[in-house]
Amino acid sequence: MAFAIDGVQPTREDIQNGSWPIASPGYSITKDQPTELEQAFLDFVLSADFQNSPEFAQLGFVPVAQ
């Protein structure tokens, strides 16, 4: 790992359990209520299938703890 903060490494486990002190939330914003297509996309992005996919990991993101 590149570095630690107070002895905590930025591992997937430590990020998900809240031990890693840095976080950056992601936002998905729609005008008014999402359309059916927009909601389908949001549901897909938040799905365990996508968040645990190799493509998601390749982007360097850590899944929402489920």
PDB file of N, CA and C in Angstrom:
ATOM      1  N   MET A   1       0.844  -1.184   0.000  1.00  0.00           N
ATOM      2  CA  MET A   1       0.000   0.000   0.000  1.00  0.00           C
ATOM      3  C   MET A   1       0.887   1.244   0.000  1.00  0.00           C
ATOM      4  N   ALA A   2       0.340   2.293  -0.520  1.00  0.00           N
ATOM      5  CA  ALA A   2       1.086   3.534  -0.649  1.00  0.00           C
ATOM      6  C   ALA A   2       1.364   4.186   0.704  1.00  0.00           C
ATOM      7  N   PHE A   3       0.390   4.209   1.594  1.00  0.00           N
ATOM      8  CA  PHE A   3       0.573   4.858   2.890  1.00  0.00           C
ATOM      9  C   PHE A   3      -0.523   4.420   3.845  1.00  0.00           C
ATOM     10  N   ALA A   4      -0.324   4.744   5.118  1.00  0.00           N
ATOM     11  CA  ALA A   4      -1.322   4.449   6.147  1.00  0.00           C
ATOM     12  C   ALA A   4      -1.596   5.732   6.921  1.00  0.00           C
ATOM     13  N   ILE A   5      -2.756   5.815   7.505  1.00  0.00           N
ATOM     14  CA  ILE A   5      -3.102   6.929   8.383  1.00  0.00           C
ATOM     15  C   ILE A   5      -3.405   6.331   9.747  1.00  0.00           C
ATOM     16  N   ASP A   6      -2.655   6.762  10.748  1.00  0.00           N
ATOM     17  CA  ASP A   6      -2.794   6.217  12.105  1.00  0.00           C
ATOM     18  C   ASP A   6      -2.729   4.694  12.091  1.00  0.00           C
ATOM     19  N   GLY A   7      -1.867   4.154  11.253  1.00  0.00           N
ATOM     20  CA  GLY A   7      -1.660   2.715  11.180  1.00  0.00           C
ATOM     21  C   GLY A   7      -2.713   1.957  10.388  1.00  0.00           C
ATOM     22  N   VAL A   8      -3.658   2.657   9.773  1.00  0.00           N
ATOM     23  CA  VAL A   8      -4.725   2.001   9.006  1.00  0.00           C
ATOM     24  C   VAL A   8      -4.410   2.124   7.516  1.00  0.00           C
ATOM     25  N   GLN A   9      -4.384   0.980   6.835  1.00  0.00           N
ATOM     26  CA  GLN A   9      -4.153   0.951   5.399  1.00  0.00           C
ATOM     27  C   GLN A   9      -5.490   1.146   4.662  1.00  0.00           C
ATOM     28  N   PRO A  10      -5.473   1.700   3.464  1.00  0.00           N
ATOM     29  CA  PRO A  10      -6.714   1.877   2.707  1.00  0.00           C
ATOM     30  C   PRO A  10      -7.141   0.590   1.993  1.00  0.00           C
ATOM     31  N   THR A  11      -7.413  -0.446   2.776  1.00  0.00           N
ATOM     32  CA  THR A  11      -7.873  -1.701   2.193  1.00  0.00           C
ATOM     33  C   THR A  11      -9.381  -1.661   2.002  1.00  0.00           C
ATOM     34  N   ARG A  12      -9.861  -2.525   1.156  1.00  0.00           N
ATOM     35  CA  ARG A  12     -11.309  -2.611   0.917  1.00  0.00           C
ATOM     36  C   ARG A  12     -12.059  -2.845   2.232  1.00  0.00           C
ATOM     37  N   GLU A  13     -11.558  -3.770   3.047  1.00  0.00           N
ATOM     38  CA  GLU A  13     -12.209  -4.088   4.330  1.00  0.00           C
ATOM     39  C   GLU A  13     -12.239  -2.875   5.260  1.00  0.00           C
ATOM     40  N   ASP A  14     -11.093  -2.176   5.400  1.00  0.00           N
ATOM     41  CA  ASP A  14     -11.046  -1.021   6.295  1.00  0.00           C
ATOM     42  C   ASP A  14     -11.872   0.149   5.787  1.00  0.00           C
ATOM     43  N   ILE A  15     -11.997   0.284   4.478  1.00  0.00           N
ATOM     44  CA  ILE A  15     -12.858   1.333   3.929  1.00  0.00           C
ATOM     45  C   ILE A  15     -14.313   1.005   4.242  1.00  0.00           C
ATOM     46  N   GLN A  16     -14.719  -0.241   4.020  1.00  0.00           N
ATOM     47  CA  GLN A  16     -16.108  -0.626   4.238  1.00  0.00           C
ATOM     48  C   GLN A  16     -16.501  -0.627   5.712  1.00  0.00           C
ATOM     49  N   ASN A  17     -15.558  -0.968   6.605  1.00  0.00           N
ATOM     50  CA  ASN A  17     -15.943  -1.007   8.023  1.00  0.00           C
ATOM     51  C   ASN A  17     -15.762   0.338   8.727  1.00  0.00           C
ATOM     52  N   GLY A  18     -15.320   1.353   7.986  1.00  0.00           N
ATOM     53  CA  GLY A  18     -15.217   2.693   8.549  1.00  0.00           C
ATOM     54  C   GLY A  18     -13.904   3.009   9.244  1.00  0.00           C
ATOM     55  N   SER A  19     -12.953   2.088   9.233  1.00  0.00           N
ATOM     56  CA  SER A  19     -11.655   2.342   9.882  1.00  0.00           C
ATOM     57  C   SER A  19     -10.813   3.354   9.115  1.00  0.00           C
ATOM     58  N   TRP A  20     -10.916   3.330   7.786  1.00  0.00           N
ATOM     59  CA  TRP A  20     -10.164   4.272   6.945  1.00  0.00           C
ATOM     60  C   TRP A  20     -10.832   5.639   7.066  1.00  0.00           C
ATOM     61  N   PRO A  21     -10.066   6.680   7.467  1.00  0.00           N
ATOM     62  CA  PRO A  21     -10.676   7.969   7.805  1.00  0.00           C
ATOM     63  C   PRO A  21     -11.035   8.879   6.622  1.00  0.00           C
ATOM     64  N   ILE A  22     -10.760   8.468   5.412  1.00  0.00           N
ATOM     65  CA  ILE A  22     -11.053   9.320   4.254  1.00  0.00           C
ATOM     66  C   ILE A  22     -12.174   8.676   3.445  1.00  0.00           C
ATOM     67  N   ALA A  23     -13.154   9.483   3.056  1.00  0.00           N
ATOM     68  CA  ALA A  23     -14.251   8.983   2.230  1.00  0.00           C
ATOM     69  C   ALA A  23     -14.639  10.053   1.224  1.00  0.00           C
ATOM     70  N   SER A  24     -15.169   9.610   0.130  1.00  0.00           N
ATOM     71  CA  SER A  24     -15.650  10.530  -0.896  1.00  0.00           C
ATOM     72  C   SER A  24     -16.927   9.949  -1.474  1.00  0.00           C
ATOM     73  N   PRO A  25     -18.064  10.465  -1.049  1.00  0.00           N
ATOM     74  CA  PRO A  25     -19.318   9.895  -1.553  1.00  0.00           C
ATOM     75  C   PRO A  25     -19.531  10.219  -3.021  1.00  0.00           C
ATOM     76  N   GLY A  26     -20.248   9.366  -3.672  1.00  0.00           N
ATOM     77  CA  GLY A  26     -20.621   9.613  -5.056  1.00  0.00           C
ATOM     78  C   GLY A  26     -22.078  10.052  -5.106  1.00  0.00           C
ATOM     79  N   TYR A  27     -22.409  10.851  -6.078  1.00  0.00           N
ATOM     80  CA  TYR A  27     -23.766  11.360  -6.215  1.00  0.00           C
ATOM     81  C   TYR A  27     -24.305  11.052  -7.605  1.00  0.00           C
ATOM     82  N   SER A  28     -25.584  10.762  -7.653  1.00  0.00           N
ATOM     83  CA  SER A  28     -26.302  10.638  -8.917  1.00  0.00           C
ATOM     84  C   SER A  28     -27.501  11.565  -8.807  1.00  0.00           C
ATOM     85  N   ILE A  29     -27.535  12.564  -9.656  1.00  0.00           N
ATOM     86  CA  ILE A  29     -28.560  13.600  -9.555  1.00  0.00           C
ATOM     87  C   ILE A  29     -29.427  13.589 -10.803  1.00  0.00           C
ATOM     88  N   THR A  30     -30.720  13.636 -10.584  1.00  0.00           N
ATOM     89  CA  THR A  30     -31.659  13.754 -11.688  1.00  0.00           C
ATOM     90  C   THR A  30     -32.530  14.983 -11.459  1.00  0.00           C
ATOM     91  N   LYS A  31     -33.054  15.528 -12.521  1.00  0.00           N
ATOM     92  CA  LYS A  31     -33.982  16.643 -12.402  1.00  0.00           C
ATOM     93  C   LYS A  31     -35.351  16.052 -12.078  1.00  0.00           C
ATOM     94  N   ASP A  32     -35.944  16.476 -10.978  1.00  0.00           N
ATOM     95  CA  ASP A  32     -37.220  15.923 -10.520  1.00  0.00           C
ATOM     96  C   ASP A  32     -37.047  14.435 -10.199  1.00  0.00           C
ATOM     97  N   GLN A  33     -38.117  13.703 -10.253  1.00  0.00           N
ATOM     98  CA  GLN A  33     -38.054  12.262 -10.008  1.00  0.00           C
ATOM     99  C   GLN A  33     -37.393  11.598 -11.216  1.00  0.00           C
ATOM    100  N   PRO A  34     -36.590  10.558 -10.974  1.00  0.00           N
ATOM    101  CA  PRO A  34     -35.946   9.901 -12.114  1.00  0.00           C
ATOM    102  C   PRO A  34     -36.978   9.252 -13.036  1.00  0.00           C
ATOM    103  N   THR A  35     -36.664   9.289 -14.322  1.00  0.00           N
ATOM    104  CA  THR A  35     -37.498   8.579 -15.291  1.00  0.00           C
ATOM    105  C   THR A  35     -37.304   7.085 -15.072  1.00  0.00           C
ATOM    106  N   GLU A  36     -38.089   6.285 -15.755  1.00  0.00           N
ATOM    107  CA  GLU A  36     -37.954   4.836 -15.636  1.00  0.00           C
ATOM    108  C   GLU A  36     -36.555   4.385 -16.058  1.00  0.00           C
ATOM    109  N   LEU A  37     -36.028   4.966 -17.133  1.00  0.00           N
ATOM    110  CA  LEU A  37     -34.693   4.613 -17.600  1.00  0.00           C
ATOM    111  C   LEU A  37     -33.626   5.058 -16.597  1.00  0.00           C
ATOM    112  N   GLU A  38     -33.763   6.269 -16.073  1.00  0.00           N
ATOM    113  CA  GLU A  38     -32.797   6.757 -15.086  1.00  0.00           C
ATOM    114  C   GLU A  38     -32.820   5.891 -13.830  1.00  0.00           C
ATOM    115  N   GLN A  39     -34.005   5.509 -13.379  1.00  0.00           N
ATOM    116  CA  GLN A  39     -34.111   4.664 -12.191  1.00  0.00           C
ATOM    117  C   GLN A  39     -33.495   3.295 -12.433  1.00  0.00           C
ATOM    118  N   ALA A  40     -33.698   2.766 -13.634  1.00  0.00           N
ATOM    119  CA  ALA A  40     -33.097   1.473 -13.969  1.00  0.00           C
ATOM    120  C   ALA A  40     -31.573   1.564 -13.914  1.00  0.00           C
ATOM    121  N   PHE A  41     -31.010   2.674 -14.401  1.00  0.00           N
ATOM    122  CA  PHE A  41     -29.561   2.863 -14.347  1.00  0.00           C
ATOM    123  C   PHE A  41     -29.090   2.969 -12.898  1.00  0.00           C
ATOM    124  N   LEU A  42     -29.784   3.762 -12.083  1.00  0.00           N
ATOM    125  CA  LEU A  42     -29.406   3.906 -10.671  1.00  0.00           C
ATOM    126  C   LEU A  42     -29.488   2.563  -9.949  1.00  0.00           C
ATOM    127  N   ASP A  43     -30.535   1.799 -10.219  1.00  0.00           N
ATOM    128  CA  ASP A  43     -30.663   0.476  -9.600  1.00  0.00           C
ATOM    129  C   ASP A  43     -29.513  -0.430 -10.011  1.00  0.00           C
ATOM    130  N   PHE A  44     -29.116  -0.364 -11.272  1.00  0.00           N
ATOM    131  CA  PHE A  44     -27.993  -1.180 -11.766  1.00  0.00           C
ATOM    132  C   PHE A  44     -26.690  -0.776 -11.076  1.00  0.00           C
ATOM    133  N   VAL A  45     -26.422   0.523 -10.997  1.00  0.00           N
ATOM    134  CA  VAL A  45     -25.172   1.004 -10.395  1.00  0.00           C
ATOM    135  C   VAL A  45     -25.080   0.587  -8.925  1.00  0.00           C
ATOM    136  N   LEU A  46     -26.201   0.557  -8.234  1.00  0.00           N
ATOM    137  CA  LEU A  46     -26.204   0.181  -6.820  1.00  0.00           C
ATOM    138  C   LEU A  46     -26.337  -1.317  -6.594  1.00  0.00           C
ATOM    139  N   SER A  47     -26.524  -2.078  -7.654  1.00  0.00           N
ATOM    140  CA  SER A  47     -26.718  -3.524  -7.509  1.00  0.00           C
ATOM    141  C   SER A  47     -25.426  -4.222  -7.095  1.00  0.00           C
ATOM    142  N   ALA A  48     -25.598  -5.301  -6.348  1.00  0.00           N
ATOM    143  CA  ALA A  48     -24.441  -6.116  -5.946  1.00  0.00           C
ATOM    144  C   ALA A  48     -23.745  -6.697  -7.169  1.00  0.00           C
ATOM    145  N   ASP A  49     -24.524  -7.034  -8.210  1.00  0.00           N
ATOM    146  CA  ASP A  49     -23.922  -7.589  -9.429  1.00  0.00           C
ATOM    147  C   ASP A  49     -22.893  -6.629 -10.020  1.00  0.00           C
ATOM    148  N   PHE A  50     -23.244  -5.347 -10.110  1.00  0.00           N
ATOM    149  CA  PHE A  50     -22.301  -4.376 -10.680  1.00  0.00           C
ATOM    150  C   PHE A  50     -21.206  -4.036  -9.681  1.00  0.00           C
ATOM    151  N   GLN A  51     -21.568  -3.779  -8.438  1.00  0.00           N
ATOM    152  CA  GLN A  51     -20.575  -3.339  -7.461  1.00  0.00           C
ATOM    153  C   GLN A  51     -19.534  -4.403  -7.144  1.00  0.00           C
ATOM    154  N   ASN A  52     -19.856  -5.646  -7.387  1.00  0.00           N
ATOM    155  CA  ASN A  52     -18.888  -6.715  -7.146  1.00  0.00           C
ATOM    156  C   ASN A  52     -18.301  -7.258  -8.446  1.00  0.00           C
ATOM    157  N   SER A  53     -18.501  -6.522  -9.527  1.00  0.00           N
ATOM    158  CA  SER A  53     -17.988  -6.965 -10.828  1.00  0.00           C
ATOM    159  C   SER A  53     -16.524  -6.560 -11.008  1.00  0.00           C
ATOM    160  N   PRO A  54     -15.799  -7.262 -11.870  1.00  0.00           N
ATOM    161  CA  PRO A  54     -14.416  -6.890 -12.171  1.00  0.00           C
ATOM    162  C   PRO A  54     -14.313  -5.481 -12.746  1.00  0.00           C
ATOM    163  N   GLU A  55     -15.330  -5.077 -13.497  1.00  0.00           N
ATOM    164  CA  GLU A  55     -15.306  -3.737 -14.102  1.00  0.00           C
ATOM    165  C   GLU A  55     -15.346  -2.649 -13.027  1.00  0.00           C
ATOM    166  N   PHE A  56     -16.161  -2.847 -12.019  1.00  0.00           N
ATOM    167  CA  PHE A  56     -16.265  -1.890 -10.923  1.00  0.00           C
ATOM    168  C   PHE A  56     -14.940  -1.809 -10.173  1.00  0.00           C
ATOM    169  N   ALA A  57     -14.355  -2.957  -9.884  1.00  0.00           N
ATOM    170  CA  ALA A  57     -13.067  -3.005  -9.182  1.00  0.00           C
ATOM    171  C   ALA A  57     -11.973  -2.356 -10.011  1.00  0.00           C
ATOM    172  N   GLN A  58     -12.016  -2.558 -11.323  1.00  0.00           N
ATOM    173  CA  GLN A  58     -11.006  -1.979 -12.204  1.00  0.00           C
ATOM    174  C   GLN A  58     -11.043  -0.448 -12.156  1.00  0.00           C
ATOM    175  N   LEU A  59     -12.209   0.123 -11.897  1.00  0.00           N
ATOM    176  CA  LEU A  59     -12.327   1.568 -11.774  1.00  0.00           C
ATOM    177  C   LEU A  59     -11.712   2.094 -10.471  1.00  0.00           C
ATOM    178  N   GLY A  60     -11.403   1.176  -9.545  1.00  0.00           N
ATOM    179  CA  GLY A  60     -10.792   1.571  -8.283  1.00  0.00           C
ATOM    180  C   GLY A  60     -11.783   1.924  -7.191  1.00  0.00           C
ATOM    181  N   PHE A  61     -13.057   1.604  -7.416  1.00  0.00           N
ATOM    182  CA  PHE A  61     -14.084   1.909  -6.429  1.00  0.00           C
ATOM    183  C   PHE A  61     -14.237   0.768  -5.430  1.00  0.00           C
ATOM    184  N   VAL A  62     -14.735   1.102  -4.247  1.00  0.00           N
ATOM    185  CA  VAL A  62     -15.045   0.115  -3.230  1.00  0.00           C
ATOM    186  C   VAL A  62     -16.563   0.057  -3.135  1.00  0.00           C
ATOM    187  N   PRO A  63     -17.144  -1.138  -3.193  1.00  0.00           N
ATOM    188  CA  PRO A  63     -18.597  -1.257  -3.170  1.00  0.00           C
ATOM    189  C   PRO A  63     -19.220  -0.708  -1.895  1.00  0.00           C
ATOM    190  N   VAL A  64     -20.467  -0.303  -2.029  1.00  0.00           N
ATOM    191  CA  VAL A  64     -21.265   0.068  -0.876  1.00  0.00           C
ATOM    192  C   VAL A  64     -21.405  -1.188  -0.034  1.00  0.00           C
ATOM    193  N   ALA A  65     -21.180  -1.101   1.252  1.00  0.00           N
ATOM    194  CA  ALA A  65     -21.330  -2.274   2.119  1.00  0.00           C
ATOM    195  C   ALA A  65     -22.785  -2.717   2.074  1.00  0.00           C
ATOM    196  N   GLN A  66     -23.005  -3.997   1.829  1.00  0.00           N
ATOM    197  CA  GLN A  66     -24.372  -4.494   1.701  1.00  0.00           C
ATOM    198  C   GLN A  66     -24.664  -5.523   2.735  1.00  0.00           C
TER     199      GLN A  66
END
